[in-house]
Amino acid sequence: MTDANEKSGQAEKCNAPNLAQGRDILRLLDEAANERAAGAARMQCRVCWYIYDPEEGCPAWDIEPGTPFSALPEEFTCPDCGQPKSAFLPAED
């Protein structure tokens, strides 16, 4: 058995979870943000507190009023601080 196989076997024996790495982490964060946004009307950047309100859209990104957060382009970033969609949380009213 090679070192890699031994390590793999050890991970299986101790039921170690498969851990995401690199781009997988970014993808998972974006998916989580989209899931959180599904039921929220307004989303708030957790870094600078900018609020995306679907009723207003986002003029900086040419996002029309009435566009839900989940429909924003994948490359959308906060217009105030540049953080990705994954940095947004549902805004409390």
C-alpha atoms as a PDB file:
ATOM      1  CA  MET A   1       0.000   0.000   0.000  1.00  0.00           C
ATOM      2  CA  THR A   2       1.374   3.455  -0.903  1.00  0.00           C
ATOM      3  CA  ASP A   3       1.547   6.331   1.554  1.00  0.00           C
ATOM      4  CA  ALA A   4      -1.407   7.992  -0.224  1.00  0.00           C
ATOM      5  CA  ASN A   5      -3.463   4.807  -0.015  1.00  0.00           C
ATOM      6  CA  GLU A   6      -2.547   4.345   3.612  1.00  0.00           C
ATOM      7  CA  LYS A   7      -3.603   7.901   4.391  1.00  0.00           C
ATOM      8  CA  SER A   8      -6.821   7.390   2.430  1.00  0.00           C
ATOM      9  CA  GLY A   9      -7.485   4.162   4.307  1.00  0.00           C
ATOM     10  CA  GLN A  10      -6.788   5.886   7.606  1.00  0.00           C
ATOM     11  CA  ALA A  11      -9.256   8.637   6.753  1.00  0.00           C
ATOM     12  CA  GLU A  12     -11.882   6.021   5.931  1.00  0.00           C
ATOM     13  CA  LYS A  13     -11.191   4.116   9.140  1.00  0.00           C
ATOM     14  CA  CYS A  14     -11.674   7.178  11.327  1.00  0.00           C
ATOM     15  CA  ASN A  15     -14.638   8.464   9.277  1.00  0.00           C
ATOM     16  CA  ALA A  16     -12.882  11.747   8.502  1.00  0.00           C
ATOM     17  CA  PRO A  17     -15.092  14.055   6.424  1.00  0.00           C
ATOM     18  CA  ASN A  18     -14.160  15.030   2.887  1.00  0.00           C
ATOM     19  CA  LEU A  19     -13.055  18.632   3.131  1.00  0.00           C
ATOM     20  CA  ALA A  20     -13.606  21.170   0.366  1.00  0.00           C
ATOM     21  CA  GLN A  21     -10.611  23.076  -0.903  1.00  0.00           C
ATOM     22  CA  GLY A  22      -9.873  26.079  -3.108  1.00  0.00           C
ATOM     23  CA  ARG A  23     -12.497  26.857  -5.722  1.00  0.00           C
ATOM     24  CA  ASP A  24     -14.879  24.325  -4.165  1.00  0.00           C
ATOM     25  CA  ILE A  25     -15.044  26.499  -1.055  1.00  0.00           C
ATOM     26  CA  LEU A  26     -15.903  29.579  -3.114  1.00  0.00           C
ATOM     27  CA  ARG A  27     -18.571  27.644  -5.013  1.00  0.00           C
ATOM     28  CA  LEU A  28     -20.071  26.332  -1.771  1.00  0.00           C
ATOM     29  CA  LEU A  29     -20.125  29.833  -0.272  1.00  0.00           C
ATOM     30  CA  ASP A  30     -21.917  31.184  -3.339  1.00  0.00           C
ATOM     31  CA  GLU A  31     -24.442  28.342  -3.199  1.00  0.00           C
ATOM     32  CA  ALA A  32     -25.068  29.037   0.485  1.00  0.00           C
ATOM     33  CA  ALA A  33     -25.571  32.741  -0.259  1.00  0.00           C
ATOM     34  CA  ASN A  34     -28.086  31.920  -2.980  1.00  0.00           C
ATOM     35  CA  GLU A  35     -29.972  29.597  -0.616  1.00  0.00           C
ATOM     36  CA  ARG A  36     -30.085  32.301   2.082  1.00  0.00           C
ATOM     37  CA  ALA A  37     -31.255  34.830  -0.485  1.00  0.00           C
ATOM     38  CA  ALA A  38     -34.077  32.674  -1.809  1.00  0.00           C
ATOM     39  CA  GLY A  39     -36.507  33.738   0.892  1.00  0.00           C
ATOM     40  CA  ALA A  40     -35.129  37.177   1.651  1.00  0.00           C
ATOM     41  CA  ALA A  41     -36.390  40.324   0.021  1.00  0.00           C
ATOM     42  CA  ARG A  42     -33.400  42.490   0.969  1.00  0.00           C
ATOM     43  CA  MET A  43     -29.794  41.404   1.415  1.00  0.00           C
ATOM     44  CA  GLN A  44     -27.091  43.198   3.391  1.00  0.00           C
ATOM     45  CA  CYS A  45     -23.312  43.110   2.853  1.00  0.00           C
ATOM     46  CA  ARG A  46     -21.729  41.864   6.065  1.00  0.00           C
ATOM     47  CA  VAL A  47     -18.592  43.929   5.416  1.00  0.00           C
ATOM     48  CA  CYS A  48     -19.881  47.449   4.715  1.00  0.00           C
ATOM     49  CA  TRP A  49     -23.628  47.009   5.462  1.00  0.00           C
ATOM     50  CA  TYR A  50     -24.758  48.031   1.954  1.00  0.00           C
ATOM     51  CA  ILE A  51     -28.330  46.818   1.440  1.00  0.00           C
ATOM     52  CA  TYR A  52     -29.419  45.347  -1.873  1.00  0.00           C
ATOM     53  CA  ASP A  53     -33.132  46.037  -2.217  1.00  0.00           C
ATOM     54  CA  PRO A  54     -34.793  44.254  -5.143  1.00  0.00           C
ATOM     55  CA  GLU A  55     -37.368  47.040  -5.388  1.00  0.00           C
ATOM     56  CA  GLU A  56     -34.548  49.493  -6.197  1.00  0.00           C
ATOM     57  CA  GLY A  57     -32.168  47.231  -8.144  1.00  0.00           C
ATOM     58  CA  CYS A  58     -28.541  48.352  -8.360  1.00  0.00           C
ATOM     59  CA  PRO A  59     -27.743  51.254 -10.708  1.00  0.00           C
ATOM     60  CA  ALA A  60     -23.979  50.679 -10.297  1.00  0.00           C
ATOM     61  CA  TRP A  61     -24.424  47.242 -11.903  1.00  0.00           C
ATOM     62  CA  ASP A  62     -27.290  48.223 -14.238  1.00  0.00           C
ATOM     63  CA  ILE A  63     -29.571  45.862 -12.304  1.00  0.00           C
ATOM     64  CA  GLU A  64     -33.200  46.726 -12.992  1.00  0.00           C
ATOM     65  CA  PRO A  65     -35.673  47.281 -10.134  1.00  0.00           C
ATOM     66  CA  GLY A  66     -37.596  44.103  -9.385  1.00  0.00           C
ATOM     67  CA  THR A  67     -34.558  41.803  -9.735  1.00  0.00           C
ATOM     68  CA  PRO A  68     -34.287  39.371  -6.793  1.00  0.00           C
ATOM     69  CA  PHE A  69     -30.864  38.836  -5.236  1.00  0.00           C
ATOM     70  CA  SER A  70     -30.829  35.215  -6.407  1.00  0.00           C
ATOM     71  CA  ALA A  71     -31.112  36.420 -10.033  1.00  0.00           C
ATOM     72  CA  LEU A  72     -28.049  38.690  -9.834  1.00  0.00           C
ATOM     73  CA  PRO A  73     -25.133  37.648 -12.059  1.00  0.00           C
ATOM     74  CA  GLU A  74     -22.567  35.306 -10.503  1.00  0.00           C
ATOM     75  CA  GLU A  75     -19.886  37.996 -10.822  1.00  0.00           C
ATOM     76  CA  PHE A  76     -21.965  40.520  -8.830  1.00  0.00           C
ATOM     77  CA  THR A  77     -20.013  42.222  -6.064  1.00  0.00           C
ATOM     78  CA  CYS A  78     -21.032  44.794  -3.482  1.00  0.00           C
ATOM     79  CA  PRO A  79     -21.030  48.191  -5.229  1.00  0.00           C
ATOM     80  CA  ASP A  80     -19.588  49.851  -2.106  1.00  0.00           C
ATOM     81  CA  CYS A  81     -16.799  47.490  -1.031  1.00  0.00           C
ATOM     82  CA  GLY A  82     -16.400  44.873  -3.773  1.00  0.00           C
ATOM     83  CA  GLN A  83     -17.237  41.780  -1.704  1.00  0.00           C
ATOM     84  CA  PRO A  84     -18.818  38.802  -3.553  1.00  0.00           C
ATOM     85  CA  LYS A  85     -22.437  37.656  -3.267  1.00  0.00           C
ATOM     86  CA  SER A  86     -21.380  35.190  -0.566  1.00  0.00           C
ATOM     87  CA  ALA A  87     -20.718  38.173   1.742  1.00  0.00           C
ATOM     88  CA  PHE A  88     -24.417  39.082   1.797  1.00  0.00           C
ATOM     89  CA  LEU A  89     -26.864  38.049   4.505  1.00  0.00           C
ATOM     90  CA  PRO A  90     -30.627  38.486   4.710  1.00  0.00           C
ATOM     91  CA  ALA A  91     -31.331  42.016   5.978  1.00  0.00           C
ATOM     92  CA  GLU A  92     -33.443  42.312   9.068  1.00  0.00           C
ATOM     93  CA  ASP A  93     -36.281  44.796   8.767  1.00  0.00           C
END
